[in-house]
Every structure is written in structure tokens, then in C-alpha cells.
Amino acid sequence: MGAVPAAERKAYGAAVNTLKDRVEARLAELDAELLSRERRRGTAPGGGRRHLTRKAAATGGVHPITRVMDELQEIFSELGYSVAEGPEVEDDYHNFEALNFPADHPARDTQDTFFLKNGLLLRTHTSPVQIRTMLARKPPIRVICPGRVFRFDNDLRHSPMFTRSSAWQSPRGSPSGT
């Protein structure tokens, strides 16, 4: 209004007020129309169906393999097993020798195992975890050993990394069992 000359302010103010009244009246009409539609559909506040607004879906989730591994651990825990985990980078002793793999066994071949430059290797199974558990605990032992393992397979039917779980308990009547 400060930019409108003094002689025109009265007419200008009246025109603005008239426009404001028309806009408010039209907004009231639209509001009433929308409320009527909502009532017909049963979605109006205070009438018809009552429901809560759904929260936006959270992004991300637990991977199916992780979900299965968690479920396996839970089942075996209820059966009295504990979960044992070990390193994914192993030495020859824990991955092969302690399991009585002879030096010429095919699993020791460089075509089947990822050997590292420092003499270590990526574990090919979860049995090294069982070996480490037997060396660290006294019987009776009941463990489930979940984890990733690595084999030098990479074609349409194989993946070089996959998830595996093995369960083991010390046998009854054996020197290491009950």
C-alpha cells in the first residue's frame, strides 16, 4: 500500500478486500467439496472409516542369507549349541593338515583354493573353526560354525564366495566327548 498514491489508496484497499473475500469464499467452497468427497469415500476426519496413516516404508532390510543364518543359529542355540566363529583367512594347518588332508589332496590345488602371497589362504570350509574350537574348549562341545567360505570356482553354477554353516558336537564315548 505504501507504493499506491494517497488519492487511490481507498479504492485500492477496497479492491484488495473484495478480491480477498472472493478468494476466501472460493477456498471455503473447495474445502466443503473435498470434505463431501471424503465423507462419501469414508475417509473424512471424524467420519466413516477410521485408519492410521501408514508410515513410510523403511529403506533397506536384512539380506535373505543373513536371515536364514540367524534363524539357523537361533534353532541350534535352542538345542544347546553355541555359535563359534573364526577367521576367513586361514593357515594351511587349520584348513587342511589338522583335518588330515594329504599334501596331494585335490582341495589343496591352486585351482580350488585361493592362496595368498604370505602363505595363508582363504578358508575353503568352516571346519577350521571346529578345529580351533576343539583346541580352545574342553568337552562336551556342541557348536554351530556359520560363515563365508571361498573356493576358486566362478562359473554359471558356482560363486567364489558362499555362506556355509556346519554343526558339530563331540561324540559320546570318545576321548574328546562325553
N, C-alpha and C. Protein backbone atom coordinates (compact mmCIF):
# COMPACT_ATOMS: atom_id res chain seq x y z
N MET A 1 0.81 -1.19 0.00
CA MET A 1 0.00 0.00 0.00
C MET A 1 0.86 1.25 0.00
N GLY A 2 2.08 1.17 0.52
CA GLY A 2 2.92 2.36 0.56
C GLY A 2 3.28 2.87 -0.82
N ALA A 3 3.26 2.02 -1.83
CA ALA A 3 3.62 2.45 -3.18
C ALA A 3 2.43 3.04 -3.93
N VAL A 4 1.20 2.90 -3.37
CA VAL A 4 -0.01 3.42 -4.02
C VAL A 4 -0.18 4.89 -3.61
N PRO A 5 -0.43 5.77 -4.60
CA PRO A 5 -0.62 7.19 -4.27
C PRO A 5 -1.77 7.37 -3.26
N ALA A 6 -1.69 8.35 -2.41
CA ALA A 6 -2.65 8.58 -1.33
C ALA A 6 -4.08 8.72 -1.85
N ALA A 7 -4.29 9.34 -2.97
CA ALA A 7 -5.63 9.56 -3.51
C ALA A 7 -6.27 8.24 -3.96
N GLU A 8 -5.48 7.22 -4.29
CA GLU A 8 -6.01 5.96 -4.81
C GLU A 8 -6.07 4.86 -3.76
N ARG A 9 -5.55 5.10 -2.57
CA ARG A 9 -5.45 4.05 -1.56
C ARG A 9 -6.81 3.51 -1.13
N LYS A 10 -7.83 4.37 -0.98
CA LYS A 10 -9.15 3.92 -0.54
C LYS A 10 -9.74 2.93 -1.55
N ALA A 11 -9.71 3.25 -2.83
CA ALA A 11 -10.25 2.38 -3.87
C ALA A 11 -9.41 1.11 -3.99
N TYR A 12 -8.09 1.28 -3.89
CA TYR A 12 -7.19 0.12 -4.00
C TYR A 12 -7.45 -0.84 -2.83
N GLY A 13 -7.56 -0.32 -1.60
CA GLY A 13 -7.83 -1.16 -0.43
C GLY A 13 -9.15 -1.90 -0.56
N ALA A 14 -10.18 -1.21 -1.07
CA ALA A 14 -11.49 -1.84 -1.26
C ALA A 14 -11.39 -2.97 -2.28
N ALA A 15 -10.64 -2.76 -3.36
CA ALA A 15 -10.48 -3.79 -4.39
C ALA A 15 -9.73 -5.00 -3.83
N VAL A 16 -8.69 -4.75 -3.04
CA VAL A 16 -7.93 -5.85 -2.43
C VAL A 16 -8.82 -6.62 -1.47
N ASN A 17 -9.62 -5.94 -0.67
CA ASN A 17 -10.53 -6.62 0.27
C ASN A 17 -11.56 -7.45 -0.47
N THR A 18 -12.10 -6.91 -1.58
CA THR A 18 -13.08 -7.66 -2.38
C THR A 18 -12.44 -8.92 -2.94
N LEU A 19 -11.22 -8.79 -3.47
CA LEU A 19 -10.50 -9.94 -4.01
C LEU A 19 -10.23 -10.97 -2.91
N LYS A 20 -9.82 -10.50 -1.74
CA LYS A 20 -9.56 -11.39 -0.60
C LYS A 20 -10.82 -12.14 -0.22
N ASP A 21 -11.96 -11.44 -0.16
CA ASP A 21 -13.23 -12.09 0.18
C ASP A 21 -13.61 -13.16 -0.84
N ARG A 22 -13.39 -12.86 -2.13
CA ARG A 22 -13.72 -13.82 -3.19
C ARG A 22 -12.82 -15.07 -3.10
N VAL A 23 -11.52 -14.85 -2.85
CA VAL A 23 -10.58 -15.98 -2.73
C VAL A 23 -10.96 -16.83 -1.52
N GLU A 24 -11.24 -16.20 -0.39
CA GLU A 24 -11.62 -16.96 0.81
C GLU A 24 -12.91 -17.74 0.59
N ALA A 25 -13.90 -17.11 -0.11
CA ALA A 25 -15.16 -17.79 -0.40
C ALA A 25 -14.91 -19.01 -1.28
N ARG A 26 -14.08 -18.85 -2.31
CA ARG A 26 -13.79 -19.97 -3.22
C ARG A 26 -13.05 -21.08 -2.48
N LEU A 27 -12.10 -20.74 -1.62
CA LEU A 27 -11.38 -21.74 -0.83
C LEU A 27 -12.33 -22.50 0.09
N ALA A 28 -13.31 -21.77 0.67
CA ALA A 28 -14.31 -22.43 1.52
C ALA A 28 -15.15 -23.40 0.70
N GLU A 29 -15.53 -23.01 -0.54
CA GLU A 29 -16.30 -23.90 -1.42
C GLU A 29 -15.49 -25.16 -1.73
N LEU A 30 -14.23 -24.98 -2.09
CA LEU A 30 -13.37 -26.13 -2.41
C LEU A 30 -13.19 -27.04 -1.20
N ASP A 31 -13.01 -26.43 -0.02
CA ASP A 31 -12.86 -27.22 1.20
C ASP A 31 -14.12 -28.05 1.47
N ALA A 32 -15.30 -27.42 1.30
CA ALA A 32 -16.56 -28.14 1.51
C ALA A 32 -16.72 -29.26 0.49
N GLU A 33 -16.31 -29.02 -0.75
CA GLU A 33 -16.40 -30.05 -1.79
C GLU A 33 -15.48 -31.23 -1.47
N LEU A 34 -14.26 -30.95 -1.04
CA LEU A 34 -13.33 -32.02 -0.68
C LEU A 34 -13.83 -32.81 0.52
N LEU A 35 -14.37 -32.12 1.51
CA LEU A 35 -14.90 -32.79 2.69
C LEU A 35 -16.06 -33.70 2.30
N SER A 36 -16.91 -33.23 1.39
CA SER A 36 -18.03 -34.04 0.91
C SER A 36 -17.53 -35.30 0.22
N ARG A 37 -16.51 -35.17 -0.63
CA ARG A 37 -15.93 -36.34 -1.31
C ARG A 37 -15.34 -37.33 -0.30
N GLU A 38 -14.63 -36.79 0.68
CA GLU A 38 -14.03 -37.66 1.69
C GLU A 38 -15.09 -38.40 2.48
N ARG A 39 -16.18 -37.74 2.79
CA ARG A 39 -17.26 -38.41 3.53
C ARG A 39 -17.88 -39.52 2.68
N ARG A 40 -18.05 -39.26 1.39
CA ARG A 40 -18.61 -40.31 0.51
C ARG A 40 -17.67 -41.52 0.46
N ARG A 41 -16.38 -41.29 0.49
CA ARG A 41 -15.41 -42.39 0.45
C ARG A 41 -15.16 -42.96 1.84
N GLY A 42 -15.63 -42.27 2.86
CA GLY A 42 -15.41 -42.73 4.23
C GLY A 42 -14.04 -42.42 4.77
N THR A 43 -13.39 -41.41 4.22
CA THR A 43 -12.04 -41.07 4.68
C THR A 43 -11.96 -39.72 5.38
N ALA A 44 -13.10 -39.12 5.64
CA ALA A 44 -13.09 -37.80 6.27
C ALA A 44 -12.71 -37.92 7.74
N PRO A 45 -12.01 -36.90 8.28
CA PRO A 45 -11.72 -36.90 9.71
C PRO A 45 -13.02 -36.88 10.49
N GLY A 46 -13.14 -37.78 11.46
CA GLY A 46 -14.32 -37.80 12.31
C GLY A 46 -15.50 -38.54 11.70
N GLY A 47 -15.36 -39.17 10.57
CA GLY A 47 -16.49 -39.89 9.99
C GLY A 47 -16.03 -41.03 9.14
N GLY A 48 -16.91 -41.96 8.91
CA GLY A 48 -16.61 -43.08 8.03
C GLY A 48 -15.53 -43.98 8.61
N ARG A 49 -14.71 -44.57 7.74
CA ARG A 49 -13.64 -45.48 8.17
C ARG A 49 -12.63 -44.75 9.02
N ARG A 50 -12.10 -45.44 9.95
CA ARG A 50 -11.04 -44.87 10.76
C ARG A 50 -9.79 -45.70 10.52
N HIS A 51 -8.70 -45.05 10.20
CA HIS A 51 -7.45 -45.75 9.98
C HIS A 51 -6.29 -44.82 10.29
N LEU A 52 -5.17 -45.43 10.58
CA LEU A 52 -3.97 -44.66 10.82
C LEU A 52 -3.23 -44.48 9.51
N THR A 53 -2.56 -43.39 9.40
CA THR A 53 -1.75 -43.16 8.22
C THR A 53 -0.55 -44.09 8.30
N ARG A 54 -0.26 -44.79 7.23
CA ARG A 54 0.85 -45.72 7.19
C ARG A 54 2.16 -44.93 7.14
N LYS A 55 3.09 -45.38 7.96
CA LYS A 55 4.41 -44.75 7.94
C LYS A 55 5.11 -45.13 6.65
N ALA A 56 5.98 -44.28 6.21
CA ALA A 56 6.76 -44.57 5.01
C ALA A 56 7.60 -45.82 5.25
N ALA A 57 7.69 -46.67 4.25
CA ALA A 57 8.46 -47.90 4.38
C ALA A 57 9.93 -47.57 4.58
N ALA A 58 10.54 -48.29 5.49
CA ALA A 58 11.97 -48.10 5.73
C ALA A 58 12.75 -48.66 4.55
N THR A 59 13.80 -47.99 4.20
CA THR A 59 14.62 -48.50 3.10
C THR A 59 15.60 -49.52 3.66
N GLY A 60 15.94 -50.47 2.83
CA GLY A 60 16.89 -51.50 3.23
C GLY A 60 16.21 -52.61 4.01
N GLY A 61 16.96 -53.59 4.34
CA GLY A 61 16.42 -54.72 5.08
C GLY A 61 17.51 -55.77 5.27
N VAL A 62 17.15 -56.82 5.96
CA VAL A 62 18.09 -57.90 6.22
C VAL A 62 18.17 -58.79 4.99
N HIS A 63 19.39 -59.09 4.56
CA HIS A 63 19.59 -59.93 3.39
C HIS A 63 19.03 -61.33 3.67
N PRO A 64 18.42 -61.98 2.67
CA PRO A 64 17.84 -63.31 2.89
C PRO A 64 18.83 -64.33 3.45
N ILE A 65 20.08 -64.30 3.02
CA ILE A 65 21.06 -65.25 3.54
C ILE A 65 21.33 -64.97 5.01
N THR A 66 21.44 -63.70 5.37
CA THR A 66 21.65 -63.34 6.77
C THR A 66 20.46 -63.77 7.60
N ARG A 67 19.26 -63.60 7.08
CA ARG A 67 18.05 -64.01 7.79
C ARG A 67 18.06 -65.52 8.05
N VAL A 68 18.43 -66.31 7.04
CA VAL A 68 18.48 -67.77 7.19
C VAL A 68 19.56 -68.16 8.19
N MET A 69 20.73 -67.54 8.11
CA MET A 69 21.81 -67.87 9.04
C MET A 69 21.42 -67.52 10.48
N ASP A 70 20.76 -66.39 10.66
CA ASP A 70 20.30 -66.02 12.01
C ASP A 70 19.29 -67.03 12.53
N GLU A 71 18.39 -67.48 11.66
CA GLU A 71 17.38 -68.46 12.06
C GLU A 71 18.04 -69.80 12.42
N LEU A 72 19.02 -70.23 11.63
CA LEU A 72 19.75 -71.47 11.95
C LEU A 72 20.44 -71.36 13.31
N GLN A 73 21.08 -70.24 13.55
CA GLN A 73 21.77 -70.05 14.83
C GLN A 73 20.78 -70.09 15.98
N GLU A 74 19.62 -69.48 15.79
CA GLU A 74 18.61 -69.48 16.83
C GLU A 74 18.10 -70.90 17.11
N ILE A 75 17.84 -71.67 16.06
CA ILE A 75 17.36 -73.05 16.22
C ILE A 75 18.39 -73.88 16.96
N PHE A 76 19.65 -73.82 16.52
CA PHE A 76 20.68 -74.63 17.17
C PHE A 76 20.97 -74.15 18.59
N SER A 77 20.84 -72.85 18.84
CA SER A 77 21.01 -72.34 20.21
C SER A 77 19.97 -72.94 21.14
N GLU A 78 18.73 -73.07 20.64
CA GLU A 78 17.67 -73.69 21.45
C GLU A 78 17.96 -75.17 21.71
N LEU A 79 18.78 -75.81 20.87
CA LEU A 79 19.16 -77.21 21.04
C LEU A 79 20.42 -77.36 21.88
N GLY A 80 20.94 -76.25 22.40
CA GLY A 80 22.10 -76.29 23.28
C GLY A 80 23.43 -76.07 22.61
N TYR A 81 23.43 -75.66 21.35
CA TYR A 81 24.66 -75.40 20.63
C TYR A 81 25.07 -73.94 20.85
N SER A 82 26.38 -73.71 20.86
CA SER A 82 26.87 -72.34 20.89
C SER A 82 27.37 -72.00 19.49
N VAL A 83 27.52 -70.72 19.23
CA VAL A 83 27.99 -70.27 17.92
C VAL A 83 29.50 -70.02 18.02
N ALA A 84 30.24 -70.62 17.10
CA ALA A 84 31.69 -70.41 17.06
C ALA A 84 32.03 -69.78 15.71
N GLU A 85 32.85 -68.75 15.77
CA GLU A 85 33.27 -68.08 14.55
C GLU A 85 34.78 -68.05 14.51
N GLY A 86 35.32 -68.00 13.30
CA GLY A 86 36.76 -67.98 13.15
C GLY A 86 37.17 -67.11 11.99
N PRO A 87 38.47 -67.01 11.77
CA PRO A 87 38.96 -66.13 10.70
C PRO A 87 38.65 -66.69 9.31
N GLU A 88 38.47 -65.79 8.38
CA GLU A 88 38.26 -66.19 6.98
C GLU A 88 39.59 -66.41 6.28
N VAL A 89 40.65 -65.81 6.78
CA VAL A 89 42.00 -66.04 6.27
C VAL A 89 42.64 -67.05 7.21
N GLU A 90 42.99 -68.20 6.67
CA GLU A 90 43.49 -69.31 7.48
C GLU A 90 44.91 -69.67 7.10
N ASP A 91 45.51 -70.52 7.94
CA ASP A 91 46.80 -71.12 7.60
C ASP A 91 46.56 -72.55 7.13
N ASP A 92 47.57 -73.14 6.55
CA ASP A 92 47.45 -74.48 5.98
C ASP A 92 47.10 -75.51 7.07
N TYR A 93 47.65 -75.34 8.26
CA TYR A 93 47.40 -76.30 9.33
C TYR A 93 45.91 -76.40 9.65
N HIS A 94 45.26 -75.27 9.93
CA HIS A 94 43.85 -75.32 10.34
C HIS A 94 42.92 -75.68 9.19
N ASN A 95 43.26 -75.31 7.97
CA ASN A 95 42.36 -75.56 6.83
C ASN A 95 42.52 -76.97 6.25
N PHE A 96 43.73 -77.52 6.31
CA PHE A 96 43.96 -78.83 5.68
C PHE A 96 44.61 -79.85 6.61
N GLU A 97 45.77 -79.53 7.14
CA GLU A 97 46.58 -80.51 7.87
C GLU A 97 45.85 -81.09 9.09
N ALA A 98 45.23 -80.25 9.91
CA ALA A 98 44.53 -80.74 11.10
C ALA A 98 43.32 -81.59 10.74
N LEU A 99 42.88 -81.51 9.50
CA LEU A 99 41.74 -82.31 9.03
C LEU A 99 42.20 -83.53 8.24
N ASN A 100 43.50 -83.82 8.29
CA ASN A 100 44.09 -84.99 7.62
C ASN A 100 43.95 -84.96 6.11
N PHE A 101 44.01 -83.78 5.51
CA PHE A 101 44.07 -83.68 4.05
C PHE A 101 45.53 -83.96 3.65
N PRO A 102 45.80 -85.00 2.88
CA PRO A 102 47.19 -85.24 2.47
C PRO A 102 47.69 -84.13 1.55
N ALA A 103 48.99 -84.03 1.42
CA ALA A 103 49.60 -82.96 0.62
C ALA A 103 49.15 -82.99 -0.83
N ASP A 104 48.81 -84.17 -1.35
CA ASP A 104 48.38 -84.25 -2.75
C ASP A 104 46.86 -84.25 -2.92
N HIS A 105 46.14 -83.87 -1.89
CA HIS A 105 44.67 -83.85 -1.97
C HIS A 105 44.22 -82.78 -2.98
N PRO A 106 43.21 -83.07 -3.80
CA PRO A 106 42.77 -82.10 -4.81
C PRO A 106 42.32 -80.75 -4.24
N ALA A 107 41.82 -80.72 -3.02
CA ALA A 107 41.38 -79.45 -2.43
C ALA A 107 42.54 -78.48 -2.21
N ARG A 108 43.74 -79.02 -2.11
CA ARG A 108 44.91 -78.16 -1.92
C ARG A 108 45.42 -77.57 -3.24
N ASP A 109 44.81 -77.95 -4.31
CA ASP A 109 45.24 -77.47 -5.63
C ASP A 109 44.94 -75.97 -5.76
N THR A 110 45.82 -75.27 -6.46
CA THR A 110 45.62 -73.83 -6.65
C THR A 110 44.39 -73.53 -7.51
N GLN A 111 43.87 -74.55 -8.19
CA GLN A 111 42.65 -74.33 -8.97
C GLN A 111 41.41 -74.37 -8.09
N ASP A 112 41.53 -74.84 -6.84
CA ASP A 112 40.39 -74.93 -5.93
C ASP A 112 40.47 -73.98 -4.75
N THR A 113 41.65 -73.51 -4.42
CA THR A 113 41.84 -72.72 -3.22
C THR A 113 42.49 -71.38 -3.55
N PHE A 114 42.06 -70.32 -2.86
CA PHE A 114 42.68 -69.01 -3.00
C PHE A 114 43.87 -68.93 -2.05
N PHE A 115 45.07 -69.11 -2.58
CA PHE A 115 46.28 -68.99 -1.78
C PHE A 115 46.76 -67.54 -1.85
N LEU A 116 47.19 -67.02 -0.72
CA LEU A 116 47.70 -65.65 -0.65
C LEU A 116 49.23 -65.68 -0.70
N LYS A 117 49.83 -64.56 -1.00
CA LYS A 117 51.30 -64.50 -1.17
C LYS A 117 52.06 -64.81 0.12
N ASN A 118 51.46 -64.54 1.27
CA ASN A 118 52.16 -64.72 2.54
C ASN A 118 52.05 -66.14 3.10
N GLY A 119 51.57 -67.09 2.28
CA GLY A 119 51.45 -68.47 2.73
C GLY A 119 50.11 -68.79 3.36
N LEU A 120 49.29 -67.80 3.55
CA LEU A 120 47.95 -68.02 4.09
C LEU A 120 46.98 -68.29 2.93
N LEU A 121 45.74 -68.58 3.26
CA LEU A 121 44.74 -68.87 2.25
C LEU A 121 43.36 -68.45 2.76
N LEU A 122 42.42 -68.31 1.84
CA LEU A 122 41.04 -68.06 2.24
C LEU A 122 40.41 -69.40 2.55
N ARG A 123 39.76 -69.52 3.70
CA ARG A 123 39.25 -70.82 4.12
C ARG A 123 38.28 -71.39 3.09
N THR A 124 38.35 -72.70 2.90
CA THR A 124 37.52 -73.36 1.90
C THR A 124 36.30 -74.02 2.52
N HIS A 125 36.21 -74.03 3.84
CA HIS A 125 35.09 -74.63 4.56
C HIS A 125 35.11 -74.07 5.97
N THR A 126 34.11 -74.39 6.78
CA THR A 126 34.08 -73.87 8.15
C THR A 126 34.69 -74.85 9.14
N SER A 127 35.22 -75.97 8.66
CA SER A 127 35.86 -76.94 9.56
C SER A 127 37.04 -76.36 10.35
N PRO A 128 37.81 -75.41 9.82
CA PRO A 128 38.87 -74.83 10.65
C PRO A 128 38.34 -74.20 11.94
N VAL A 129 37.11 -73.72 11.91
CA VAL A 129 36.51 -73.16 13.13
C VAL A 129 36.30 -74.28 14.14
N GLN A 130 35.89 -75.46 13.66
CA GLN A 130 35.72 -76.61 14.55
C GLN A 130 37.06 -77.01 15.18
N ILE A 131 38.11 -77.01 14.37
CA ILE A 131 39.45 -77.35 14.88
C ILE A 131 39.85 -76.36 15.97
N ARG A 132 39.69 -75.06 15.69
CA ARG A 132 40.05 -74.04 16.68
C ARG A 132 39.21 -74.19 17.95
N THR A 133 37.94 -74.55 17.81
CA THR A 133 37.05 -74.73 18.96
C THR A 133 37.51 -75.93 19.79
N MET A 134 37.86 -77.05 19.14
CA MET A 134 38.33 -78.23 19.87
C MET A 134 39.63 -77.93 20.62
N LEU A 135 40.50 -77.11 20.03
CA LEU A 135 41.75 -76.77 20.69
C LEU A 135 41.55 -75.80 21.86
N ALA A 136 40.48 -75.01 21.81
CA ALA A 136 40.27 -73.98 22.83
C ALA A 136 39.32 -74.40 23.96
N ARG A 137 38.45 -75.38 23.72
CA ARG A 137 37.45 -75.75 24.73
C ARG A 137 37.63 -77.18 25.19
N LYS A 138 37.04 -77.45 26.34
CA LYS A 138 37.02 -78.80 26.86
C LYS A 138 35.64 -79.41 26.57
N PRO A 139 35.60 -80.73 26.33
CA PRO A 139 34.32 -81.39 26.06
C PRO A 139 33.41 -81.32 27.29
N PRO A 140 32.14 -81.45 27.09
CA PRO A 140 31.44 -81.68 25.83
C PRO A 140 31.32 -80.39 25.01
N ILE A 141 31.38 -80.56 23.71
CA ILE A 141 31.33 -79.42 22.79
C ILE A 141 30.16 -79.60 21.84
N ARG A 142 29.36 -78.56 21.70
CA ARG A 142 28.27 -78.52 20.72
C ARG A 142 28.32 -77.15 20.08
N VAL A 143 28.72 -77.07 18.83
CA VAL A 143 28.87 -75.77 18.17
C VAL A 143 28.24 -75.78 16.79
N ILE A 144 27.83 -74.61 16.39
CA ILE A 144 27.45 -74.35 15.01
C ILE A 144 28.45 -73.31 14.51
N CYS A 145 28.96 -73.55 13.32
CA CYS A 145 30.01 -72.70 12.76
C CYS A 145 29.53 -72.07 11.45
N PRO A 146 28.93 -70.91 11.53
CA PRO A 146 28.48 -70.24 10.30
C PRO A 146 29.58 -69.35 9.73
N GLY A 147 29.51 -69.08 8.45
CA GLY A 147 30.46 -68.12 7.89
C GLY A 147 30.63 -68.25 6.40
N ARG A 148 31.39 -67.31 5.89
CA ARG A 148 31.69 -67.31 4.45
C ARG A 148 32.89 -68.20 4.19
N VAL A 149 32.83 -68.88 3.05
CA VAL A 149 33.95 -69.71 2.61
C VAL A 149 34.26 -69.36 1.17
N PHE A 150 35.45 -69.72 0.73
CA PHE A 150 35.93 -69.27 -0.58
C PHE A 150 36.53 -70.44 -1.34
N ARG A 151 36.10 -70.58 -2.57
CA ARG A 151 36.67 -71.61 -3.45
C ARG A 151 36.89 -71.00 -4.82
N PHE A 152 37.89 -71.49 -5.48
CA PHE A 152 38.27 -70.92 -6.77
C PHE A 152 37.33 -71.43 -7.85
N ASP A 153 36.03 -71.22 -7.66
CA ASP A 153 35.01 -71.57 -8.65
C ASP A 153 34.34 -70.28 -9.07
N ASN A 154 34.18 -70.10 -10.35
CA ASN A 154 33.47 -68.91 -10.81
C ASN A 154 32.91 -69.20 -12.20
N ASP A 155 31.73 -69.76 -12.21
CA ASP A 155 31.04 -70.01 -13.47
C ASP A 155 29.55 -69.82 -13.22
N LEU A 156 28.72 -70.23 -14.15
CA LEU A 156 27.28 -70.01 -14.01
C LEU A 156 26.67 -70.73 -12.82
N ARG A 157 27.28 -71.81 -12.36
CA ARG A 157 26.71 -72.60 -11.28
C ARG A 157 27.42 -72.41 -9.95
N HIS A 158 28.52 -71.69 -9.93
CA HIS A 158 29.31 -71.55 -8.71
C HIS A 158 29.68 -70.09 -8.47
N SER A 159 29.90 -69.79 -7.21
CA SER A 159 30.36 -68.47 -6.82
C SER A 159 31.66 -68.66 -6.03
N PRO A 160 32.63 -67.79 -6.19
CA PRO A 160 33.88 -67.95 -5.44
C PRO A 160 33.71 -67.74 -3.94
N MET A 161 32.64 -67.10 -3.53
CA MET A 161 32.36 -66.91 -2.10
C MET A 161 30.93 -67.35 -1.86
N PHE A 162 30.73 -68.15 -0.82
CA PHE A 162 29.38 -68.52 -0.45
C PHE A 162 29.31 -68.70 1.06
N THR A 163 28.11 -68.76 1.57
CA THR A 163 27.90 -68.87 3.00
C THR A 163 27.61 -70.32 3.35
N ARG A 164 28.20 -70.76 4.43
CA ARG A 164 28.05 -72.15 4.84
C ARG A 164 27.90 -72.19 6.34
N SER A 165 27.25 -73.22 6.82
CA SER A 165 27.13 -73.43 8.26
C SER A 165 27.29 -74.91 8.54
N SER A 166 28.07 -75.24 9.54
CA SER A 166 28.21 -76.63 9.93
C SER A 166 27.98 -76.73 11.44
N ALA A 167 27.34 -77.80 11.84
CA ALA A 167 27.11 -78.05 13.26
C ALA A 167 27.91 -79.27 13.66
N TRP A 168 28.43 -79.26 14.87
CA TRP A 168 29.27 -80.37 15.32
C TRP A 168 29.14 -80.51 16.82
N GLN A 169 29.18 -81.76 17.27
CA GLN A 169 29.27 -82.00 18.70
C GLN A 169 30.26 -83.12 18.93
N SER A 170 30.94 -83.08 20.06
CA SER A 170 31.93 -84.12 20.34
C SER A 170 31.17 -85.43 20.55
N PRO A 171 31.64 -86.52 19.93
CA PRO A 171 30.93 -87.80 20.04
C PRO A 171 31.00 -88.37 21.44
N ARG A 172 29.93 -89.04 21.83
CA ARG A 172 29.90 -89.70 23.16
C ARG A 172 30.88 -90.87 23.16
N GLY A 173 31.54 -91.07 24.27
CA GLY A 173 32.44 -92.20 24.41
C GLY A 173 33.82 -91.99 23.81
N SER A 174 34.04 -90.88 23.14
CA SER A 174 35.36 -90.63 22.56
C SER A 174 36.22 -89.90 23.60
N PRO A 175 37.53 -89.90 23.41
CA PRO A 175 38.39 -89.17 24.35
C PRO A 175 38.04 -87.70 24.47
N SER A 176 37.47 -87.11 23.37
CA SER A 176 37.12 -85.70 23.43
C SER A 176 35.65 -85.48 23.76
N GLY A 177 34.88 -86.58 23.88
CA GLY A 177 33.43 -86.45 24.10
C GLY A 177 33.01 -86.89 25.48
N THR A 178 31.69 -86.96 25.68
CA THR A 178 31.17 -87.35 26.99
C THR A 178 30.65 -88.76 26.96
